[in-house]
Every structure is written in structure tokens, then in C-alpha cells.
Amino acid sequence: AVADYRQGLLLVGENPARVAQIAAEISQSLTAAGERGYWQKRLEI
């Protein structure tokens, strides 16, 4: 899901560095706290 959101955001013209940072934050939250971390970080972002 993160990979596809990242690709979609790049295709609509979002800043690549910003998109990479957002994707990294979500991936880190997923690794650290699992599904709950994923959803919490998505809401925060």
C-alpha cells in the first residue's frame, strides 16, 4: 500500500523528497508498531 501511495503521489506531481519522507515515516511506524502504527501515522500525516 505504501509503495502504491508513493507512486500515485509522484504521478500527481508531489515533491519526490517529501513523498519519500512520508513513505519512510509510515514504513517505520509499521515496522515499530504494526498495523496500529501504520494507521496512526497515516492519520498524523
PDB file of all heavy atoms in Angstrom:
ATOM      1  N   ALA A   1       0.842  -1.206   0.000  1.00  0.00           N
ATOM      2  CA  ALA A   1       0.000   0.000   0.000  1.00  0.00           C
ATOM      3  C   ALA A   1       0.871   1.248   0.000  1.00  0.00           C
ATOM      4  O   ALA A   1       0.620   2.188  -0.765  1.00  0.00           O
ATOM      5  CB  ALA A   1      -0.939  -0.009   1.205  1.00  0.00           C
ATOM      6  N   VAL A   2       1.889   1.257   0.825  1.00  0.00           N
ATOM      7  CA  VAL A   2       2.802   2.408   0.885  1.00  0.00           C
ATOM      8  C   VAL A   2       3.444   2.641  -0.479  1.00  0.00           C
ATOM      9  O   VAL A   2       3.514   3.778  -0.966  1.00  0.00           O
ATOM     10  CB  VAL A   2       3.883   2.214   1.978  1.00  0.00           C
ATOM     11  CG1 VAL A   2       4.963   3.287   1.874  1.00  0.00           C
ATOM     12  CG2 VAL A   2       3.254   2.230   3.360  1.00  0.00           C
ATOM     13  N   ALA A   3       3.893   1.571  -1.111  1.00  0.00           N
ATOM     14  CA  ALA A   3       4.540   1.704  -2.427  1.00  0.00           C
ATOM     15  C   ALA A   3       3.581   2.293  -3.457  1.00  0.00           C
ATOM     16  O   ALA A   3       3.973   3.154  -4.256  1.00  0.00           O
ATOM     17  CB  ALA A   3       5.060   0.351  -2.897  1.00  0.00           C
ATOM     18  N   ASP A   4       2.328   1.852  -3.428  1.00  0.00           N
ATOM     19  CA  ASP A   4       1.369   2.376  -4.403  1.00  0.00           C
ATOM     20  C   ASP A   4       0.965   3.813  -4.095  1.00  0.00           C
ATOM     21  O   ASP A   4       0.808   4.630  -5.008  1.00  0.00           O
ATOM     22  CB  ASP A   4       0.138   1.473  -4.489  1.00  0.00           C
ATOM     23  CG  ASP A   4       0.332   0.341  -5.476  1.00  0.00           C
ATOM     24  OD1 ASP A   4       1.387   0.277  -6.137  1.00  0.00           O
ATOM     25  OD2 ASP A   4      -0.590  -0.485  -5.601  1.00  0.00           O
ATOM     26  N   TYR A   5       0.789   4.147  -2.817  1.00  0.00           N
ATOM     27  CA  TYR A   5       0.503   5.545  -2.483  1.00  0.00           C
ATOM     28  C   TYR A   5       1.670   6.427  -2.931  1.00  0.00           C
ATOM     29  O   TYR A   5       1.472   7.507  -3.476  1.00  0.00           O
ATOM     30  CB  TYR A   5       0.282   5.722  -0.985  1.00  0.00           C
ATOM     31  CG  TYR A   5      -1.103   5.354  -0.524  1.00  0.00           C
ATOM     32  CD1 TYR A   5      -1.299   4.462   0.517  1.00  0.00           C
ATOM     33  CD2 TYR A   5      -2.231   5.920  -1.119  1.00  0.00           C
ATOM     34  CE1 TYR A   5      -2.566   4.138   0.957  1.00  0.00           C
ATOM     35  CE2 TYR A   5      -3.507   5.599  -0.690  1.00  0.00           C
ATOM     36  CZ  TYR A   5      -3.666   4.706   0.346  1.00  0.00           C
ATOM     37  OH  TYR A   5      -4.928   4.387   0.773  1.00  0.00           O
ATOM     38  N   ARG A   6       2.862   5.938  -2.712  1.00  0.00           N
ATOM     39  CA  ARG A   6       4.048   6.705  -3.119  1.00  0.00           C
ATOM     40  C   ARG A   6       4.030   6.953  -4.628  1.00  0.00           C
ATOM     41  O   ARG A   6       4.240   8.081  -5.082  1.00  0.00           O
ATOM     42  CB  ARG A   6       5.307   5.937  -2.708  1.00  0.00           C
ATOM     43  CG  ARG A   6       6.570   6.649  -3.025  1.00  0.00           C
ATOM     44  CD  ARG A   6       7.768   5.854  -2.568  1.00  0.00           C
ATOM     45  NE  ARG A   6       8.965   6.643  -2.792  1.00  0.00           N
ATOM     46  CZ  ARG A   6      10.130   6.379  -2.287  1.00  0.00           C
ATOM     47  NH1 ARG A   6      10.289   5.334  -1.500  1.00  0.00           N
ATOM     48  NH2 ARG A   6      11.161   7.136  -2.552  1.00  0.00           N
ATOM     49  N   GLN A   7       3.796   5.918  -5.398  1.00  0.00           N
ATOM     50  CA  GLN A   7       3.769   6.058  -6.857  1.00  0.00           C
ATOM     51  C   GLN A   7       2.655   7.019  -7.292  1.00  0.00           C
ATOM     52  O   GLN A   7       2.860   7.869  -8.163  1.00  0.00           O
ATOM     53  CB  GLN A   7       3.585   4.694  -7.531  1.00  0.00           C
ATOM     54  CG  GLN A   7       3.618   4.746  -9.032  1.00  0.00           C
ATOM     55  CD  GLN A   7       4.953   5.232  -9.584  1.00  0.00           C
ATOM     56  OE1 GLN A   7       6.000   5.035  -8.983  1.00  0.00           O
ATOM     57  NE2 GLN A   7       4.929   5.868 -10.720  1.00  0.00           N
ATOM     58  N   GLY A   8       1.496   6.885  -6.704  1.00  0.00           N
ATOM     59  CA  GLY A   8       0.385   7.772  -7.048  1.00  0.00           C
ATOM     60  C   GLY A   8       0.701   9.227  -6.754  1.00  0.00           C
ATOM     61  O   GLY A   8       0.421  10.118  -7.566  1.00  0.00           O
ATOM     62  N   LEU A   9       1.300   9.476  -5.589  1.00  0.00           N
ATOM     63  CA  LEU A   9       1.654  10.849  -5.234  1.00  0.00           C
ATOM     64  C   LEU A   9       2.700  11.429  -6.175  1.00  0.00           C
ATOM     65  O   LEU A   9       2.635  12.605  -6.542  1.00  0.00           O
ATOM     66  CB  LEU A   9       2.151  10.908  -3.784  1.00  0.00           C
ATOM     67  CG  LEU A   9       1.073  10.729  -2.723  1.00  0.00           C
ATOM     68  CD1 LEU A   9       1.703  10.524  -1.354  1.00  0.00           C
ATOM     69  CD2 LEU A   9       0.128  11.924  -2.706  1.00  0.00           C
ATOM     70  N   LEU A  10       3.643  10.621  -6.577  1.00  0.00           N
ATOM     71  CA  LEU A  10       4.646  11.097  -7.536  1.00  0.00           C
ATOM     72  C   LEU A  10       3.997  11.443  -8.873  1.00  0.00           C
ATOM     73  O   LEU A  10       4.343  12.448  -9.499  1.00  0.00           O
ATOM     74  CB  LEU A  10       5.738  10.048  -7.731  1.00  0.00           C
ATOM     75  CG  LEU A  10       6.653   9.818  -6.530  1.00  0.00           C
ATOM     76  CD1 LEU A  10       7.560   8.623  -6.772  1.00  0.00           C
ATOM     77  CD2 LEU A  10       7.450  11.066  -6.196  1.00  0.00           C
ATOM     78  N   LEU A  11       3.038  10.623  -9.282  1.00  0.00           N
ATOM     79  CA  LEU A  11       2.377  10.870 -10.571  1.00  0.00           C
ATOM     80  C   LEU A  11       1.510  12.126 -10.566  1.00  0.00           C
ATOM     81  O   LEU A  11       1.310  12.726 -11.618  1.00  0.00           O
ATOM     82  CB  LEU A  11       1.542   9.659 -10.986  1.00  0.00           C
ATOM     83  CG  LEU A  11       2.357   8.442 -11.434  1.00  0.00           C
ATOM     84  CD1 LEU A  11       1.444   7.237 -11.634  1.00  0.00           C
ATOM     85  CD2 LEU A  11       3.117   8.750 -12.718  1.00  0.00           C
ATOM     86  N   VAL A  12       1.004  12.544  -9.404  1.00  0.00           N
ATOM     87  CA  VAL A  12       0.227  13.787  -9.368  1.00  0.00           C
ATOM     88  C   VAL A  12       1.113  15.007  -9.169  1.00  0.00           C
ATOM     89  O   VAL A  12       0.625  16.124  -9.095  1.00  0.00           O
ATOM     90  CB  VAL A  12      -0.907  13.769  -8.300  1.00  0.00           C
ATOM     91  CG1 VAL A  12      -1.919  12.708  -8.603  1.00  0.00           C
ATOM     92  CG2 VAL A  12      -0.362  13.655  -6.902  1.00  0.00           C
ATOM     93  N   GLY A  13       2.425  14.782  -9.085  1.00  0.00           N
ATOM     94  CA  GLY A  13       3.343  15.910  -9.049  1.00  0.00           C
ATOM     95  C   GLY A  13       3.794  16.354  -7.673  1.00  0.00           C
ATOM     96  O   GLY A  13       4.367  17.439  -7.541  1.00  0.00           O
ATOM     97  N   GLU A  14       3.572  15.542  -6.658  1.00  0.00           N
ATOM     98  CA  GLU A  14       4.074  15.906  -5.335  1.00  0.00           C
ATOM     99  C   GLU A  14       5.603  15.857  -5.346  1.00  0.00           C
ATOM    100  O   GLU A  14       6.209  15.123  -6.117  1.00  0.00           O
ATOM    101  CB  GLU A  14       3.525  14.956  -4.261  1.00  0.00           C
ATOM    102  CG  GLU A  14       2.041  15.115  -3.987  1.00  0.00           C
ATOM    103  CD  GLU A  14       1.668  16.460  -3.370  1.00  0.00           C
ATOM    104  OE1 GLU A  14       2.524  17.109  -2.740  1.00  0.00           O
ATOM    105  OE2 GLU A  14       0.508  16.862  -3.541  1.00  0.00           O
ATOM    106  N   ASN A  15       6.204  16.607  -4.467  1.00  0.00           N
ATOM    107  CA  ASN A  15       7.658  16.686  -4.352  1.00  0.00           C
ATOM    108  C   ASN A  15       8.222  15.303  -4.013  1.00  0.00           C
ATOM    109  O   ASN A  15       7.849  14.716  -2.988  1.00  0.00           O
ATOM    110  CB  ASN A  15       8.014  17.691  -3.253  1.00  0.00           C
ATOM    111  CG  ASN A  15       9.497  17.818  -3.029  1.00  0.00           C
ATOM    112  OD1 ASN A  15      10.181  16.843  -2.763  1.00  0.00           O
ATOM    113  ND2 ASN A  15       9.979  19.043  -3.114  1.00  0.00           N
ATOM    114  N   PRO A  16       9.135  14.779  -4.839  1.00  0.00           N
ATOM    115  CA  PRO A  16       9.671  13.432  -4.602  1.00  0.00           C
ATOM    116  C   PRO A  16      10.340  13.255  -3.235  1.00  0.00           C
ATOM    117  O   PRO A  16      10.191  12.210  -2.602  1.00  0.00           O
ATOM    118  CB  PRO A  16      10.680  13.241  -5.734  1.00  0.00           C
ATOM    119  CG  PRO A  16      10.190  14.140  -6.820  1.00  0.00           C
ATOM    120  CD  PRO A  16       9.606  15.334  -6.112  1.00  0.00           C
ATOM    121  N   ALA A  17      11.067  14.268  -2.773  1.00  0.00           N
ATOM    122  CA  ALA A  17      11.720  14.160  -1.467  1.00  0.00           C
ATOM    123  C   ALA A  17      10.682  14.085  -0.350  1.00  0.00           C
ATOM    124  O   ALA A  17      10.822  13.306   0.600  1.00  0.00           O
ATOM    125  CB  ALA A  17      12.659  15.339  -1.247  1.00  0.00           C
ATOM    126  N   ARG A  18       9.644  14.869  -0.489  1.00  0.00           N
ATOM    127  CA  ARG A  18       8.563  14.866   0.513  1.00  0.00           C
ATOM    128  C   ARG A  18       7.837  13.530   0.505  1.00  0.00           C
ATOM    129  O   ARG A  18       7.520  12.978   1.552  1.00  0.00           O
ATOM    130  CB  ARG A  18       7.604  16.005   0.201  1.00  0.00           C
ATOM    131  CG  ARG A  18       6.508  16.149   1.202  1.00  0.00           C
ATOM    132  CD  ARG A  18       5.707  17.376   0.867  1.00  0.00           C
ATOM    133  NE  ARG A  18       4.675  17.590   1.843  1.00  0.00           N
ATOM    134  CZ  ARG A  18       3.616  18.334   1.638  1.00  0.00           C
ATOM    135  NH1 ARG A  18       3.455  18.930   0.476  1.00  0.00           N
ATOM    136  NH2 ARG A  18       2.716  18.489   2.563  1.00  0.00           N
ATOM    137  N   VAL A  19       7.562  13.016  -0.666  1.00  0.00           N
ATOM    138  CA  VAL A  19       6.885  11.727  -0.788  1.00  0.00           C
ATOM    139  C   VAL A  19       7.745  10.623  -0.171  1.00  0.00           C
ATOM    140  O   VAL A  19       7.245   9.764   0.566  1.00  0.00           O
ATOM    141  CB  VAL A  19       6.547  11.414  -2.262  1.00  0.00           C
ATOM    142  CG1 VAL A  19       6.025   9.995  -2.410  1.00  0.00           C
ATOM    143  CG2 VAL A  19       5.531  12.414  -2.798  1.00  0.00           C
ATOM    144  N   ALA A  20       9.038  10.660  -0.434  1.00  0.00           N
ATOM    145  CA  ALA A  20       9.945   9.659   0.136  1.00  0.00           C
ATOM    146  C   ALA A  20       9.949   9.739   1.664  1.00  0.00           C
ATOM    147  O   ALA A  20       9.952   8.706   2.351  1.00  0.00           O
ATOM    148  CB  ALA A  20      11.347   9.845  -0.415  1.00  0.00           C
ATOM    149  N   GLN A  21       9.929  10.938   2.196  1.00  0.00           N
ATOM    150  CA  GLN A  21       9.916  11.128   3.653  1.00  0.00           C
ATOM    151  C   GLN A  21       8.625  10.579   4.259  1.00  0.00           C
ATOM    152  O   GLN A  21       8.656   9.878   5.267  1.00  0.00           O
ATOM    153  CB  GLN A  21      10.073  12.615   4.004  1.00  0.00           C
ATOM    154  CG  GLN A  21      10.008  12.899   5.489  1.00  0.00           C
ATOM    155  CD  GLN A  21      11.116  12.233   6.274  1.00  0.00           C
ATOM    156  OE1 GLN A  21      12.235  12.096   5.781  1.00  0.00           O
ATOM    157  NE2 GLN A  21      10.832  11.800   7.486  1.00  0.00           N
ATOM    158  N   ILE A  22       7.511  10.880   3.634  1.00  0.00           N
ATOM    159  CA  ILE A  22       6.225  10.383   4.128  1.00  0.00           C
ATOM    160  C   ILE A  22       6.196   8.855   4.093  1.00  0.00           C
ATOM    161  O   ILE A  22       5.793   8.208   5.063  1.00  0.00           O
ATOM    162  CB  ILE A  22       5.066  10.979   3.301  1.00  0.00           C
ATOM    163  CG1 ILE A  22       4.904  12.465   3.624  1.00  0.00           C
ATOM    164  CG2 ILE A  22       3.764  10.224   3.560  1.00  0.00           C
ATOM    165  CD1 ILE A  22       3.951  13.194   2.704  1.00  0.00           C
ATOM    166  N   ALA A  23       6.624   8.279   2.983  1.00  0.00           N
ATOM    167  CA  ALA A  23       6.630   6.818   2.852  1.00  0.00           C
ATOM    168  C   ALA A  23       7.543   6.190   3.903  1.00  0.00           C
ATOM    169  O   ALA A  23       7.192   5.163   4.505  1.00  0.00           O
ATOM    170  CB  ALA A  23       7.072   6.421   1.448  1.00  0.00           C
ATOM    171  N   ALA A  24       8.688   6.805   4.151  1.00  0.00           N
ATOM    172  CA  ALA A  24       9.622   6.281   5.160  1.00  0.00           C
ATOM    173  C   ALA A  24       9.008   6.345   6.555  1.00  0.00           C
ATOM    174  O   ALA A  24       9.137   5.395   7.339  1.00  0.00           O
ATOM    175  CB  ALA A  24      10.934   7.062   5.111  1.00  0.00           C
ATOM    176  N   GLU A  25       8.338   7.434   6.871  1.00  0.00           N
ATOM    177  CA  GLU A  25       7.694   7.565   8.180  1.00  0.00           C
ATOM    178  C   GLU A  25       6.646   6.478   8.388  1.00  0.00           C
ATOM    179  O   GLU A  25       6.577   5.868   9.459  1.00  0.00           O
ATOM    180  CB  GLU A  25       7.031   8.939   8.319  1.00  0.00           C
ATOM    181  CG  GLU A  25       7.980  10.084   8.520  1.00  0.00           C
ATOM    182  CD  GLU A  25       7.239  11.396   8.681  1.00  0.00           C
ATOM    183  OE1 GLU A  25       6.194  11.414   9.373  1.00  0.00           O
ATOM    184  OE2 GLU A  25       7.695  12.399   8.114  1.00  0.00           O
ATOM    185  N   ILE A  26       5.839   6.254   7.375  1.00  0.00           N
ATOM    186  CA  ILE A  26       4.792   5.240   7.500  1.00  0.00           C
ATOM    187  C   ILE A  26       5.398   3.845   7.611  1.00  0.00           C
ATOM    188  O   ILE A  26       4.975   3.041   8.446  1.00  0.00           O
ATOM    189  CB  ILE A  26       3.795   5.340   6.330  1.00  0.00           C
ATOM    190  CG1 ILE A  26       3.004   6.644   6.454  1.00  0.00           C
ATOM    191  CG2 ILE A  26       2.846   4.151   6.327  1.00  0.00           C
ATOM    192  CD1 ILE A  26       2.069   6.916   5.316  1.00  0.00           C
ATOM    193  N   SER A  27       6.400   3.566   6.802  1.00  0.00           N
ATOM    194  CA  SER A  27       7.055   2.256   6.864  1.00  0.00           C
ATOM    195  C   SER A  27       7.698   2.025   8.230  1.00  0.00           C
ATOM    196  O   SER A  27       7.619   0.922   8.785  1.00  0.00           O
ATOM    197  CB  SER A  27       8.104   2.125   5.764  1.00  0.00           C
ATOM    198  OG  SER A  27       7.473   2.060   4.503  1.00  0.00           O
ATOM    199  N   GLN A  28       8.326   3.052   8.783  1.00  0.00           N
ATOM    200  CA  GLN A  28       8.950   2.928  10.100  1.00  0.00           C
ATOM    201  C   GLN A  28       7.904   2.671  11.183  1.00  0.00           C
ATOM    202  O   GLN A  28       8.108   1.842  12.070  1.00  0.00           O
ATOM    203  CB  GLN A  28       9.761   4.177  10.432  1.00  0.00           C
ATOM    204  CG  GLN A  28      11.017   4.309   9.610  1.00  0.00           C
ATOM    205  CD  GLN A  28      11.660   5.684   9.726  1.00  0.00           C
ATOM    206  OE1 GLN A  28      11.147   6.581  10.384  1.00  0.00           O
ATOM    207  NE2 GLN A  28      12.792   5.855   9.058  1.00  0.00           N
ATOM    208  N   SER A  29       6.774   3.360  11.088  1.00  0.00           N
ATOM    209  CA  SER A  29       5.699   3.144  12.061  1.00  0.00           C
ATOM    210  C   SER A  29       5.116   1.752  11.939  1.00  0.00           C
ATOM    211  O   SER A  29       4.789   1.118  12.946  1.00  0.00           O
ATOM    212  CB  SER A  29       4.596   4.192  11.881  1.00  0.00           C
ATOM    213  OG  SER A  29       5.076   5.459  12.253  1.00  0.00           O
ATOM    214  N   LEU A  30       5.010   1.270  10.725  1.00  0.00           N
ATOM    215  CA  LEU A  30       4.523  -0.092  10.502  1.00  0.00           C
ATOM    216  C   LEU A  30       5.474  -1.109  11.122  1.00  0.00           C
ATOM    217  O   LEU A  30       5.046  -2.034  11.815  1.00  0.00           O
ATOM    218  CB  LEU A  30       4.364  -0.351   8.999  1.00  0.00           C
ATOM    219  CG  LEU A  30       3.935  -1.755   8.588  1.00  0.00           C
ATOM    220  CD1 LEU A  30       2.565  -2.103   9.165  1.00  0.00           C
ATOM    221  CD2 LEU A  30       3.906  -1.865   7.063  1.00  0.00           C
ATOM    222  N   THR A  31       6.765  -0.904  10.921  1.00  0.00           N
ATOM    223  CA  THR A  31       7.759  -1.819  11.484  1.00  0.00           C
ATOM    224  C   THR A  31       7.750  -1.773  13.011  1.00  0.00           C
ATOM    225  O   THR A  31       7.808  -2.805  13.667  1.00  0.00           O
ATOM    226  CB  THR A  31       9.167  -1.465  10.951  1.00  0.00           C
ATOM    227  OG1 THR A  31       9.157  -1.595   9.527  1.00  0.00           O
ATOM    228  CG2 THR A  31      10.225  -2.380  11.533  1.00  0.00           C
ATOM    229  N   ALA A  32       7.643  -0.582  13.556  1.00  0.00           N
ATOM    230  CA  ALA A  32       7.718  -0.414  15.010  1.00  0.00           C
ATOM    231  C   ALA A  32       6.447  -0.844  15.739  1.00  0.00           C
ATOM    232  O   ALA A  32       6.517  -1.424  16.822  1.00  0.00           O
ATOM    233  CB  ALA A  32       8.036   1.043  15.350  1.00  0.00           C
ATOM    234  N   ALA A  33       5.286  -0.566  15.148  1.00  0.00           N
ATOM    235  CA  ALA A  33       4.038  -0.779  15.885  1.00  0.00           C
ATOM    236  C   ALA A  33       2.984  -1.555  15.101  1.00  0.00           C
ATOM    237  O   ALA A  33       1.819  -1.575  15.490  1.00  0.00           O
ATOM    238  CB  ALA A  33       3.473   0.571  16.330  1.00  0.00           C
ATOM    239  N   GLY A  34       3.378  -2.130  13.974  1.00  0.00           N
ATOM    240  CA  GLY A  34       2.435  -2.960  13.220  1.00  0.00           C
ATOM    241  C   GLY A  34       1.301  -2.171  12.592  1.00  0.00           C
ATOM    242  O   GLY A  34       1.439  -0.981  12.293  1.00  0.00           O
ATOM    243  N   GLU A  35       0.181  -2.849  12.435  1.00  0.00           N
ATOM    244  CA  GLU A  35      -0.985  -2.257  11.779  1.00  0.00           C
ATOM    245  C   GLU A  35      -1.438  -0.970  12.467  1.00  0.00           C
ATOM    246  O   GLU A  35      -1.744   0.020  11.808  1.00  0.00           O
ATOM    247  CB  GLU A  35      -2.120  -3.284  11.771  1.00  0.00           C
ATOM    248  CG  GLU A  35      -3.372  -2.816  11.087  1.00  0.00           C
ATOM    249  CD  GLU A  35      -4.459  -3.877  11.068  1.00  0.00           C
ATOM    250  OE1 GLU A  35      -4.281  -4.958  11.655  1.00  0.00           O
ATOM    251  OE2 GLU A  35      -5.511  -3.606  10.450  1.00  0.00           O
ATOM    252  N   ARG A  36      -1.470  -0.994  13.770  1.00  0.00           N
ATOM    253  CA  ARG A  36      -1.886   0.206  14.507  1.00  0.00           C
ATOM    254  C   ARG A  36      -0.957   1.386  14.220  1.00  0.00           C
ATOM    255  O   ARG A  36      -1.398   2.512  14.013  1.00  0.00           O
ATOM    256  CB  ARG A  36      -1.927  -0.097  16.001  1.00  0.00           C
ATOM    257  CG  ARG A  36      -2.422   1.065  16.834  1.00  0.00           C
ATOM    258  CD  ARG A  36      -2.481   0.662  18.305  1.00  0.00           C
ATOM    259  NE  ARG A  36      -2.896   1.747  19.137  1.00  0.00           N
ATOM    260  CZ  ARG A  36      -4.148   2.005  19.488  1.00  0.00           C
ATOM    261  NH1 ARG A  36      -5.110   1.209  19.086  1.00  0.00           N
ATOM    262  NH2 ARG A  36      -4.433   3.030  20.252  1.00  0.00           N
ATOM    263  N   GLY A  37       0.338   1.126  14.172  1.00  0.00           N
ATOM    264  CA  GLY A  37       1.303   2.179  13.867  1.00  0.00           C
ATOM    265  C   GLY A  37       1.109   2.738  12.468  1.00  0.00           C
ATOM    266  O   GLY A  37       1.236   3.948  12.244  1.00  0.00           O
ATOM    267  N   TYR A  38       0.799   1.851  11.532  1.00  0.00           N
ATOM    268  CA  TYR A  38       0.539   2.280  10.154  1.00  0.00           C
ATOM    269  C   TYR A  38      -0.605   3.280  10.115  1.00  0.00           C
ATOM    270  O   TYR A  38      -0.484   4.366   9.561  1.00  0.00           O
ATOM    271  CB  TYR A  38       0.216   1.052   9.297  1.00  0.00           C
ATOM    272  CG  TYR A  38      -0.231   1.384   7.891  1.00  0.00           C
ATOM    273  CD1 TYR A  38       0.698   1.545   6.876  1.00  0.00           C
ATOM    274  CD2 TYR A  38      -1.578   1.526   7.566  1.00  0.00           C
ATOM    275  CE1 TYR A  38       0.304   1.833   5.576  1.00  0.00           C
ATOM    276  CE2 TYR A  38      -1.982   1.821   6.275  1.00  0.00           C
ATOM    277  CZ  TYR A  38      -1.043   1.974   5.290  1.00  0.00           C
ATOM    278  OH  TYR A  38      -1.441   2.272   4.017  1.00  0.00           O
ATOM    279  N   TRP A  39      -1.729   2.892  10.725  1.00  0.00           N
ATOM    280  CA  TRP A  39      -2.922   3.754  10.663  1.00  0.00           C
ATOM    281  C   TRP A  39      -2.736   5.043  11.458  1.00  0.00           C
ATOM    282  O   TRP A  39      -3.193   6.106  11.030  1.00  0.00           O
ATOM    283  CB  TRP A  39      -4.155   2.989  11.132  1.00  0.00           C
ATOM    284  CG  TRP A  39      -4.568   1.955  10.147  1.00  0.00           C
ATOM    285  CD1 TRP A  39      -4.446   0.603  10.257  1.00  0.00           C
ATOM    286  CD2 TRP A  39      -5.132   2.190   8.851  1.00  0.00           C
ATOM    287  NE1 TRP A  39      -4.916  -0.017   9.129  1.00  0.00           N
ATOM    288  CE2 TRP A  39      -5.340   0.930   8.245  1.00  0.00           C
ATOM    289  CE3 TRP A  39      -5.472   3.332   8.135  1.00  0.00           C
ATOM    290  CZ2 TRP A  39      -5.875   0.786   6.970  1.00  0.00           C
ATOM    291  CZ3 TRP A  39      -6.017   3.182   6.867  1.00  0.00           C
ATOM    292  CH2 TRP A  39      -6.213   1.933   6.298  1.00  0.00           C
ATOM    293  N   GLN A  40      -2.065   4.968  12.584  1.00  0.00           N
ATOM    294  CA  GLN A  40      -1.812   6.189  13.355  1.00  0.00           C
ATOM    295  C   GLN A  40      -0.950   7.167  12.566  1.00  0.00           C
ATOM    296  O   GLN A  40      -1.217   8.370  12.545  1.00  0.00           O
ATOM    297  CB  GLN A  40      -1.146   5.850  14.686  1.00  0.00           C
ATOM    298  CG  GLN A  40      -2.099   5.242  15.682  1.00  0.00           C
ATOM    299  CD  GLN A  40      -1.419   4.868  16.981  1.00  0.00           C
ATOM    300  OE1 GLN A  40      -0.248   4.492  17.017  1.00  0.00           O
ATOM    301  NE2 GLN A  40      -2.168   4.948  18.064  1.00  0.00           N
ATOM    302  N   LYS A  41       0.093   6.643  11.917  1.00  0.00           N
ATOM    303  CA  LYS A  41       0.980   7.524  11.149  1.00  0.00           C
ATOM    304  C   LYS A  41       0.255   8.096   9.939  1.00  0.00           C
ATOM    305  O   LYS A  41       0.436   9.258   9.596  1.00  0.00           O
ATOM    306  CB  LYS A  41       2.242   6.768  10.726  1.00  0.00           C
ATOM    307  CG  LYS A  41       3.267   7.635  10.035  1.00  0.00           C
ATOM    308  CD  LYS A  41       3.694   8.845  10.852  1.00  0.00           C
ATOM    309  CE  LYS A  41       4.560   8.499  12.013  1.00  0.00           C
ATOM    310  NZ  LYS A  41       5.166   9.701  12.652  1.00  0.00           N
ATOM    311  N   ARG A  42      -0.577   7.291   9.282  1.00  0.00           N
ATOM    312  CA  ARG A  42      -1.338   7.817   8.141  1.00  0.00           C
ATOM    313  C   ARG A  42      -2.221   8.980   8.578  1.00  0.00           C
ATOM    314  O   ARG A  42      -2.293  10.003   7.901  1.00  0.00           O
ATOM    315  CB  ARG A  42      -2.214   6.722   7.513  1.00  0.00           C
ATOM    316  CG  ARG A  42      -1.497   5.990   6.403  1.00  0.00           C
ATOM    317  CD  ARG A  42      -2.452   5.240   5.507  1.00  0.00           C
ATOM    318  NE  ARG A  42      -3.218   6.161   4.700  1.00  0.00           N
ATOM    319  CZ  ARG A  42      -4.476   5.957   4.331  1.00  0.00           C
ATOM    320  NH1 ARG A  42      -5.108   4.877   4.672  1.00  0.00           N
ATOM    321  NH2 ARG A  42      -5.110   6.832   3.573  1.00  0.00           N
ATOM    322  N   LEU A  43      -2.903   8.824   9.712  1.00  0.00           N
ATOM    323  CA  LEU A  43      -3.763   9.897  10.218  1.00  0.00           C
ATOM    324  C   LEU A  43      -2.935  11.126  10.568  1.00  0.00           C
ATOM    325  O   LEU A  43      -3.297  12.247  10.203  1.00  0.00           O
ATOM    326  CB  LEU A  43      -4.543   9.409  11.438  1.00  0.00           C
ATOM    327  CG  LEU A  43      -5.446  10.435  12.102  1.00  0.00           C
ATOM    328  CD1 LEU A  43      -6.503  10.943  11.123  1.00  0.00           C
ATOM    329  CD2 LEU A  43      -6.114   9.822  13.325  1.00  0.00           C
ATOM    330  N   GLU A  44      -1.816  10.923  11.227  1.00  0.00           N
ATOM    331  CA  GLU A  44      -0.941  12.043  11.583  1.00  0.00           C
ATOM    332  C   GLU A  44      -0.466  12.794  10.345  1.00  0.00           C
ATOM    333  O   GLU A  44      -0.488  14.025  10.305  1.00  0.00           O
ATOM    334  CB  GLU A  44       0.263  11.510  12.359  1.00  0.00           C
ATOM    335  CG  GLU A  44       1.270  12.568  12.718  1.00  0.00           C
ATOM    336  CD  GLU A  44       2.534  11.961  13.302  1.00  0.00           C
ATOM    337  OE1 GLU A  44       2.420  11.050  14.132  1.00  0.00           O
ATOM    338  OE2 GLU A  44       3.628  12.400  12.898  1.00  0.00           O
ATOM    339  N   ILE A  45      -0.063  12.072   9.335  1.00  0.00           N
ATOM    340  CA  ILE A  45       0.435  12.702   8.107  1.00  0.00           C
ATOM    341  C   ILE A  45      -0.684  13.457   7.399  1.00  0.00           C
ATOM    342  O   ILE A  45      -0.472  14.561   6.900  1.00  0.00           O
ATOM    343  CB  ILE A  45       1.105  11.657   7.204  1.00  0.00           C
ATOM    344  CG1 ILE A  45       2.448  11.268   7.818  1.00  0.00           C
ATOM    345  CG2 ILE A  45       1.281  12.175   5.780  1.00  0.00           C
ATOM    346  CD1 ILE A  45       3.126  10.104   7.169  1.00  0.00           C
TER     347      ILE A  45
END
